[in-house]
Amino acid sequence: MGLLMSSGFSDIKSFQTIFFDPETMIAPDIVKEGHGEGAFVVLKGVKT
């Protein structure tokens, strides 16, 4: 996130999903705010 901030982004948030083996999933995983647990992470920021 430091690179985003140094590039002029603010209000940075991260969201994650895919907490289990995708091969055995029978329904979509939940989406949680943050990062570090899920296999798929999305970052959102506002360019100022």
Protein backbone atom coordinates (compact mmCIF):
# COMPACT_ATOMS: atom_id res chain seq x y z
CA MET A 1 0.00 0.00 0.00
CA GLY A 2 2.99 2.25 0.46
CA LEU A 3 3.52 2.39 -3.30
CA LEU A 4 -0.07 3.51 -3.83
CA MET A 5 0.26 6.22 -1.20
CA SER A 6 3.55 7.47 -2.63
CA SER A 7 1.90 7.56 -6.08
CA GLY A 8 -0.78 9.96 -4.85
CA PHE A 9 -3.58 7.57 -3.86
CA SER A 10 -5.58 8.02 -0.67
CA ASP A 11 -8.51 6.31 1.04
CA ILE A 12 -6.90 2.93 0.27
CA LYS A 13 -8.88 -0.17 1.22
CA SER A 14 -8.34 -3.86 0.58
CA PHE A 15 -10.81 -6.71 0.27
CA GLN A 16 -10.13 -10.45 0.10
CA THR A 17 -11.83 -13.71 -0.79
CA ILE A 18 -11.08 -17.37 -1.68
CA PHE A 19 -10.21 -18.83 1.70
CA PHE A 20 -10.57 -22.49 0.70
CA ASP A 21 -9.52 -24.69 -2.21
CA PRO A 22 -11.38 -23.38 -5.30
CA GLU A 23 -11.57 -26.93 -6.70
CA THR A 24 -13.86 -27.97 -3.83
CA MET A 25 -15.99 -24.81 -3.59
CA ILE A 26 -19.73 -25.31 -3.97
CA ALA A 27 -20.64 -21.64 -3.36
CA PRO A 28 -18.73 -18.34 -3.55
CA ASP A 29 -16.63 -17.48 -0.51
CA ILE A 30 -17.45 -14.44 1.57
CA VAL A 31 -15.64 -11.16 0.98
CA LYS A 32 -13.81 -9.72 3.99
CA GLU A 33 -12.15 -6.36 4.35
CA GLY A 34 -8.37 -6.50 4.73
CA HIS A 35 -5.65 -8.70 3.29
CA GLY A 36 -3.34 -11.52 4.37
CA GLU A 37 -5.76 -14.45 4.54
CA GLY A 38 -7.48 -14.78 1.17
CA ALA A 39 -5.96 -15.93 -2.12
CA PHE A 40 -7.57 -13.07 -4.09
CA VAL A 41 -7.15 -9.46 -2.98
CA VAL A 42 -8.52 -6.25 -4.47
CA LEU A 43 -7.10 -2.83 -3.63
CA LYS A 44 -9.18 0.32 -3.99
CA GLY A 45 -7.86 3.84 -3.80
CA VAL A 46 -8.69 7.37 -4.86
CA LYS A 47 -6.17 9.31 -6.96
CA THR A 48 -5.73 12.77 -5.47
